[in-house]
Amino acid sequence: MSATLMQAARLLIQRYGDGAEKAAAERAEELMNDGDMVGAATWLHFIDAVRHVLGR
């Protein structure tokens, strides 16, 4: 994973704590519903990075 992606994951965790994965999933779903598949895919990568940082 890129350093930028990992930094974004750490910032999500800093802001949302244990809810970071859920927050990222909700944002990905919002973007999918809006038809923004590229944006949704980006947020799906954030979910993986958050899981990695949290050791899940």
N, C-alpha and C. Protein backbone atom coordinates (compact mmCIF):
# COMPACT_ATOMS: atom_id res chain seq x y z
N MET A 1 0.84 -1.18 0.00
CA MET A 1 0.00 0.00 0.00
C MET A 1 0.88 1.24 0.00
N SER A 2 0.40 2.26 -0.66
CA SER A 2 1.19 3.48 -0.77
C SER A 2 1.20 4.22 0.57
N ALA A 3 2.22 5.03 0.74
CA ALA A 3 2.34 5.83 1.96
C ALA A 3 1.18 6.82 2.08
N THR A 4 0.72 7.34 0.94
CA THR A 4 -0.40 8.29 0.95
C THR A 4 -1.68 7.61 1.42
N LEU A 5 -1.91 6.42 0.94
CA LEU A 5 -3.10 5.66 1.34
C LEU A 5 -3.04 5.33 2.83
N MET A 6 -1.89 4.94 3.31
CA MET A 6 -1.74 4.63 4.73
C MET A 6 -1.94 5.87 5.59
N GLN A 7 -1.44 7.01 5.13
CA GLN A 7 -1.64 8.26 5.86
C GLN A 7 -3.13 8.61 5.92
N ALA A 8 -3.82 8.44 4.80
CA ALA A 8 -5.26 8.70 4.78
C ALA A 8 -5.98 7.78 5.76
N ALA A 9 -5.57 6.53 5.83
CA ALA A 9 -6.18 5.58 6.77
C ALA A 9 -5.95 6.05 8.21
N ARG A 10 -4.75 6.48 8.50
CA ARG A 10 -4.45 6.95 9.86
C ARG A 10 -5.29 8.18 10.21
N LEU A 11 -5.49 9.06 9.24
CA LEU A 11 -6.32 10.24 9.48
C LEU A 11 -7.78 9.86 9.71
N LEU A 12 -8.28 8.89 8.95
CA LEU A 12 -9.64 8.40 9.17
C LEU A 12 -9.78 7.82 10.58
N ILE A 13 -8.79 7.06 11.01
CA ILE A 13 -8.82 6.47 12.34
C ILE A 13 -8.75 7.57 13.40
N GLN A 14 -7.92 8.55 13.16
CA GLN A 14 -7.80 9.67 14.10
C GLN A 14 -9.15 10.37 14.26
N ARG A 15 -9.85 10.56 13.16
CA ARG A 15 -11.12 11.27 13.20
C ARG A 15 -12.27 10.41 13.71
N TYR A 16 -12.34 9.16 13.26
CA TYR A 16 -13.51 8.31 13.54
C TYR A 16 -13.24 7.18 14.54
N GLY A 17 -12.00 7.00 14.94
CA GLY A 17 -11.67 5.94 15.88
C GLY A 17 -12.07 4.58 15.33
N ASP A 18 -12.69 3.77 16.18
CA ASP A 18 -13.09 2.42 15.77
C ASP A 18 -14.15 2.44 14.67
N GLY A 19 -14.77 3.58 14.43
CA GLY A 19 -15.78 3.70 13.39
C GLY A 19 -15.22 4.07 12.03
N ALA A 20 -13.90 4.10 11.90
CA ALA A 20 -13.27 4.52 10.64
C ALA A 20 -13.64 3.62 9.47
N GLU A 21 -13.64 2.32 9.71
CA GLU A 21 -13.98 1.39 8.63
C GLU A 21 -15.42 1.60 8.18
N LYS A 22 -16.32 1.77 9.13
CA LYS A 22 -17.72 2.00 8.81
C LYS A 22 -17.90 3.32 8.07
N ALA A 23 -17.21 4.36 8.50
CA ALA A 23 -17.31 5.67 7.85
C ALA A 23 -16.84 5.58 6.39
N ALA A 24 -15.76 4.87 6.17
CA ALA A 24 -15.25 4.71 4.80
C ALA A 24 -16.23 3.90 3.95
N ALA A 25 -16.82 2.87 4.53
CA ALA A 25 -17.80 2.06 3.80
C ALA A 25 -19.04 2.88 3.43
N GLU A 26 -19.47 3.71 4.36
CA GLU A 26 -20.64 4.55 4.09
C GLU A 26 -20.34 5.54 2.96
N ARG A 27 -19.14 6.11 2.97
CA ARG A 27 -18.77 7.05 1.91
C ARG A 27 -18.68 6.33 0.57
N ALA A 28 -18.11 5.13 0.56
CA ALA A 28 -18.03 4.35 -0.69
C ALA A 28 -19.42 4.07 -1.23
N GLU A 29 -20.34 3.71 -0.34
CA GLU A 29 -21.72 3.44 -0.77
C GLU A 29 -22.39 4.69 -1.32
N GLU A 30 -22.17 5.82 -0.68
CA GLU A 30 -22.74 7.09 -1.18
C GLU A 30 -22.26 7.37 -2.60
N LEU A 31 -20.97 7.19 -2.81
CA LEU A 31 -20.41 7.45 -4.13
C LEU A 31 -20.94 6.47 -5.17
N MET A 32 -21.07 5.20 -4.79
CA MET A 32 -21.64 4.21 -5.71
C MET A 32 -23.06 4.61 -6.10
N ASN A 33 -23.83 5.01 -5.10
CA ASN A 33 -25.22 5.41 -5.36
C ASN A 33 -25.30 6.64 -6.27
N ASP A 34 -24.27 7.48 -6.22
CA ASP A 34 -24.21 8.66 -7.08
C ASP A 34 -23.63 8.34 -8.46
N GLY A 35 -23.21 7.09 -8.65
CA GLY A 35 -22.64 6.69 -9.93
C GLY A 35 -21.16 6.97 -10.08
N ASP A 36 -20.50 7.34 -9.00
CA ASP A 36 -19.06 7.64 -9.04
C ASP A 36 -18.28 6.39 -8.66
N MET A 37 -18.06 5.53 -9.63
CA MET A 37 -17.40 4.26 -9.35
C MET A 37 -15.92 4.43 -9.04
N VAL A 38 -15.27 5.42 -9.64
CA VAL A 38 -13.86 5.66 -9.36
C VAL A 38 -13.70 6.14 -7.92
N GLY A 39 -14.53 7.08 -7.51
CA GLY A 39 -14.49 7.55 -6.13
C GLY A 39 -14.81 6.44 -5.15
N ALA A 40 -15.80 5.62 -5.47
CA ALA A 40 -16.16 4.50 -4.60
C ALA A 40 -15.00 3.52 -4.48
N ALA A 41 -14.34 3.24 -5.59
CA ALA A 41 -13.20 2.32 -5.55
C ALA A 41 -12.09 2.86 -4.66
N THR A 42 -11.88 4.16 -4.71
CA THR A 42 -10.88 4.79 -3.85
C THR A 42 -11.21 4.56 -2.39
N TRP A 43 -12.47 4.76 -2.02
CA TRP A 43 -12.88 4.57 -0.63
C TRP A 43 -12.83 3.10 -0.22
N LEU A 44 -13.03 2.20 -1.16
CA LEU A 44 -12.87 0.78 -0.85
C LEU A 44 -11.41 0.47 -0.52
N HIS A 45 -10.48 1.15 -1.18
CA HIS A 45 -9.06 1.01 -0.84
C HIS A 45 -8.79 1.56 0.56
N PHE A 46 -9.47 2.65 0.90
CA PHE A 46 -9.31 3.20 2.25
C PHE A 46 -9.75 2.18 3.30
N ILE A 47 -10.82 1.45 3.02
CA ILE A 47 -11.29 0.42 3.97
C ILE A 47 -10.18 -0.60 4.20
N ASP A 48 -9.57 -1.07 3.13
CA ASP A 48 -8.48 -2.05 3.26
C ASP A 48 -7.32 -1.46 4.06
N ALA A 49 -7.00 -0.20 3.81
CA ALA A 49 -5.89 0.43 4.53
C ALA A 49 -6.21 0.60 6.01
N VAL A 50 -7.44 0.98 6.32
CA VAL A 50 -7.85 1.11 7.73
C VAL A 50 -7.74 -0.25 8.42
N ARG A 51 -8.21 -1.29 7.76
CA ARG A 51 -8.10 -2.64 8.34
C ARG A 51 -6.65 -3.01 8.59
N HIS A 52 -5.79 -2.67 7.63
CA HIS A 52 -4.36 -2.97 7.76
C HIS A 52 -3.75 -2.25 8.96
N VAL A 53 -4.04 -0.95 9.07
CA VAL A 53 -3.50 -0.17 10.18
C VAL A 53 -4.01 -0.69 11.53
N LEU A 54 -5.27 -1.08 11.57
CA LEU A 54 -5.86 -1.57 12.81
C LEU A 54 -5.53 -3.05 13.08
N GLY A 55 -4.86 -3.70 12.13
CA GLY A 55 -4.48 -5.09 12.31
C GLY A 55 -5.63 -6.07 12.17
N ARG A 56 -6.59 -5.70 11.35
CA ARG A 56 -7.77 -6.58 11.14
C ARG A 56 -7.63 -7.38 9.87
